[in-house]
């Protein structure tokens, strides 16, 4: 039986914030502990294969992004952009409607 999200169900993922410290997992190419809390001082590299929406793949090193600004690891960098908000006519991001 297919599962679906009812229209009026609250988004439970965003009712509470993520508590620090964050638990990071080295799923690919780990050379030490697979789970770490202090990613900024972790001695391992964060390298991961990525499949992009246009169909190409690449192996990227996220170590610098995670070590420099560990609270915001998904900000745009030289080789990737994780999201692009839709900008409304007022110049502000438009909230996504579900």
C-alpha atoms as a PDB file:
ATOM      1  CA  UNK A   1       0.000   0.000   0.000  1.00  0.00           C
ATOM      2  CA  UNK A   2       1.536   3.371  -0.990  1.00  0.00           C
ATOM      3  CA  UNK A   3       2.286   5.819   1.795  1.00  0.00           C
ATOM      4  CA  UNK A   4       1.449   9.492   1.542  1.00  0.00           C
ATOM      5  CA  UNK A   5       1.661  12.545   3.744  1.00  0.00           C
ATOM      6  CA  UNK A   6      -1.783  13.956   4.594  1.00  0.00           C
ATOM      7  CA  UNK A   7      -2.121  17.621   3.658  1.00  0.00           C
ATOM      8  CA  UNK A   8      -2.784  18.862   7.189  1.00  0.00           C
ATOM      9  CA  UNK A   9      -0.125  16.837   8.995  1.00  0.00           C
ATOM     10  CA  UNK A  10       2.457  19.125  10.671  1.00  0.00           C
ATOM     11  CA  UNK A  11       6.032  18.868   9.477  1.00  0.00           C
ATOM     12  CA  UNK A  12       7.442  17.046  12.511  1.00  0.00           C
ATOM     13  CA  UNK A  13      11.025  17.461  11.342  1.00  0.00           C
ATOM     14  CA  UNK A  14      10.919  21.229  11.873  1.00  0.00           C
ATOM     15  CA  UNK A  15       9.049  21.451  15.181  1.00  0.00           C
ATOM     16  CA  UNK A  16      12.254  21.303  17.211  1.00  0.00           C
ATOM     17  CA  UNK A  17      15.743  22.434  16.322  1.00  0.00           C
ATOM     18  CA  UNK A  18      18.717  20.137  16.070  1.00  0.00           C
ATOM     19  CA  UNK A  19      20.586  20.120  19.340  1.00  0.00           C
ATOM     20  CA  UNK A  20      24.321  20.530  19.483  1.00  0.00           C
ATOM     21  CA  UNK A  21      26.703  18.847  19.327  1.00  0.00           C
ATOM     22  CA  UNK A  22      25.838  17.446  15.926  1.00  0.00           C
ATOM     23  CA  UNK A  23      26.688  13.825  15.237  1.00  0.00           C
ATOM     24  CA  UNK A  24      28.492  13.496  11.901  1.00  0.00           C
ATOM     25  CA  UNK A  25      28.972  10.158  10.174  1.00  0.00           C
ATOM     26  CA  UNK A  26      31.824   9.198   7.855  1.00  0.00           C
ATOM     27  CA  UNK A  27      30.020   6.843   5.477  1.00  0.00           C
ATOM     28  CA  UNK A  28      32.564   6.857   2.664  1.00  0.00           C
ATOM     29  CA  UNK A  29      36.324   6.377   2.816  1.00  0.00           C
ATOM     30  CA  UNK A  30      36.576   6.765   6.596  1.00  0.00           C
ATOM     31  CA  UNK A  31      40.002   6.216   8.140  1.00  0.00           C
ATOM     32  CA  UNK A  32      38.966   6.438  11.796  1.00  0.00           C
ATOM     33  CA  UNK A  33      35.834   6.434  13.886  1.00  0.00           C
ATOM     34  CA  UNK A  34      32.700   6.380  11.694  1.00  0.00           C
ATOM     35  CA  UNK A  35      30.810   8.729  14.051  1.00  0.00           C
ATOM     36  CA  UNK A  36      32.199  12.018  15.415  1.00  0.00           C
ATOM     37  CA  UNK A  37      30.763  14.989  17.319  1.00  0.00           C
ATOM     38  CA  UNK A  38      33.614  17.478  16.903  1.00  0.00           C
ATOM     39  CA  UNK A  39      33.803  17.644  13.104  1.00  0.00           C
ATOM     40  CA  UNK A  40      35.874  20.848  13.152  1.00  0.00           C
ATOM     41  CA  UNK A  41      38.728  19.016  14.867  1.00  0.00           C
ATOM     42  CA  UNK A  42      38.231  15.606  13.278  1.00  0.00           C
ATOM     43  CA  UNK A  43      41.419  14.323  11.665  1.00  0.00           C
ATOM     44  CA  UNK A  44      39.636  12.483   8.860  1.00  0.00           C
ATOM     45  CA  UNK A  45      38.773  13.856   5.458  1.00  0.00           C
ATOM     46  CA  UNK A  46      35.101  14.118   4.542  1.00  0.00           C
ATOM     47  CA  UNK A  47      35.075  12.702   1.008  1.00  0.00           C
ATOM     48  CA  UNK A  48      31.869  11.536  -0.605  1.00  0.00           C
ATOM     49  CA  UNK A  49      30.587  10.462  -4.026  1.00  0.00           C
ATOM     50  CA  UNK A  50      27.667  12.641  -5.145  1.00  0.00           C
ATOM     51  CA  UNK A  51      24.999  12.028  -7.796  1.00  0.00           C
ATOM     52  CA  UNK A  52      23.733  15.357  -9.164  1.00  0.00           C
ATOM     53  CA  UNK A  53      20.242  15.954 -10.558  1.00  0.00           C
ATOM     54  CA  UNK A  54      21.579  16.366 -14.094  1.00  0.00           C
ATOM     55  CA  UNK A  55      22.919  12.791 -13.938  1.00  0.00           C
ATOM     56  CA  UNK A  56      26.656  13.403 -13.536  1.00  0.00           C
ATOM     57  CA  UNK A  57      28.608  12.082 -10.591  1.00  0.00           C
ATOM     58  CA  UNK A  58      31.682  13.335  -8.780  1.00  0.00           C
ATOM     59  CA  UNK A  59      33.710  12.633  -5.676  1.00  0.00           C
ATOM     60  CA  UNK A  60      34.032  15.786  -3.577  1.00  0.00           C
ATOM     61  CA  UNK A  61      36.097  16.607  -0.525  1.00  0.00           C
ATOM     62  CA  UNK A  62      33.880  18.427   2.005  1.00  0.00           C
ATOM     63  CA  UNK A  63      36.573  18.640   4.696  1.00  0.00           C
ATOM     64  CA  UNK A  64      37.269  22.367   4.283  1.00  0.00           C
ATOM     65  CA  UNK A  65      33.562  23.297   4.378  1.00  0.00           C
ATOM     66  CA  UNK A  66      32.924  21.205   7.473  1.00  0.00           C
ATOM     67  CA  UNK A  67      35.994  22.399   9.344  1.00  0.00           C
ATOM     68  CA  UNK A  68      35.594  26.107   8.579  1.00  0.00           C
ATOM     69  CA  UNK A  69      31.861  26.510   9.218  1.00  0.00           C
ATOM     70  CA  UNK A  70      30.535  23.282  10.698  1.00  0.00           C
ATOM     71  CA  UNK A  71      27.111  24.773  11.519  1.00  0.00           C
ATOM     72  CA  UNK A  72      26.420  25.567   7.858  1.00  0.00           C
ATOM     73  CA  UNK A  73      27.964  22.759   5.799  1.00  0.00           C
ATOM     74  CA  UNK A  74      25.529  23.121   2.890  1.00  0.00           C
ATOM     75  CA  UNK A  75      26.487  26.632   1.823  1.00  0.00           C
ATOM     76  CA  UNK A  76      27.518  27.072  -1.789  1.00  0.00           C
ATOM     77  CA  UNK A  77      31.159  26.403  -2.633  1.00  0.00           C
ATOM     78  CA  UNK A  78      33.312  26.403  -5.764  1.00  0.00           C
ATOM     79  CA  UNK A  79      32.152  22.974  -6.940  1.00  0.00           C
ATOM     80  CA  UNK A  80      28.603  22.669  -5.589  1.00  0.00           C
ATOM     81  CA  UNK A  81      25.357  24.443  -4.766  1.00  0.00           C
ATOM     82  CA  UNK A  82      22.912  22.406  -2.681  1.00  0.00           C
ATOM     83  CA  UNK A  83      19.884  24.616  -3.098  1.00  0.00           C
ATOM     84  CA  UNK A  84      18.758  27.740  -4.876  1.00  0.00           C
ATOM     85  CA  UNK A  85      15.745  29.471  -3.339  1.00  0.00           C
ATOM     86  CA  UNK A  86      13.063  30.868  -5.594  1.00  0.00           C
ATOM     87  CA  UNK A  87      13.248  34.662  -5.351  1.00  0.00           C
ATOM     88  CA  UNK A  88       9.945  36.539  -5.440  1.00  0.00           C
ATOM     89  CA  UNK A  89       9.235  39.905  -7.019  1.00  0.00           C
ATOM     90  CA  UNK A  90      10.035  41.570  -3.668  1.00  0.00           C
ATOM     91  CA  UNK A  91      13.580  40.170  -3.771  1.00  0.00           C
ATOM     92  CA  UNK A  92      12.951  37.771  -0.862  1.00  0.00           C
ATOM     93  CA  UNK A  93      12.955  33.925  -0.969  1.00  0.00           C
ATOM     94  CA  UNK A  94       9.512  32.431  -1.570  1.00  0.00           C
ATOM     95  CA  UNK A  95       8.513  29.780   1.015  1.00  0.00           C
ATOM     96  CA  UNK A  96       8.043  26.319  -0.458  1.00  0.00           C
ATOM     97  CA  UNK A  97       4.429  25.148  -0.502  1.00  0.00           C
ATOM     98  CA  UNK A  98       3.700  21.505   0.187  1.00  0.00           C
END
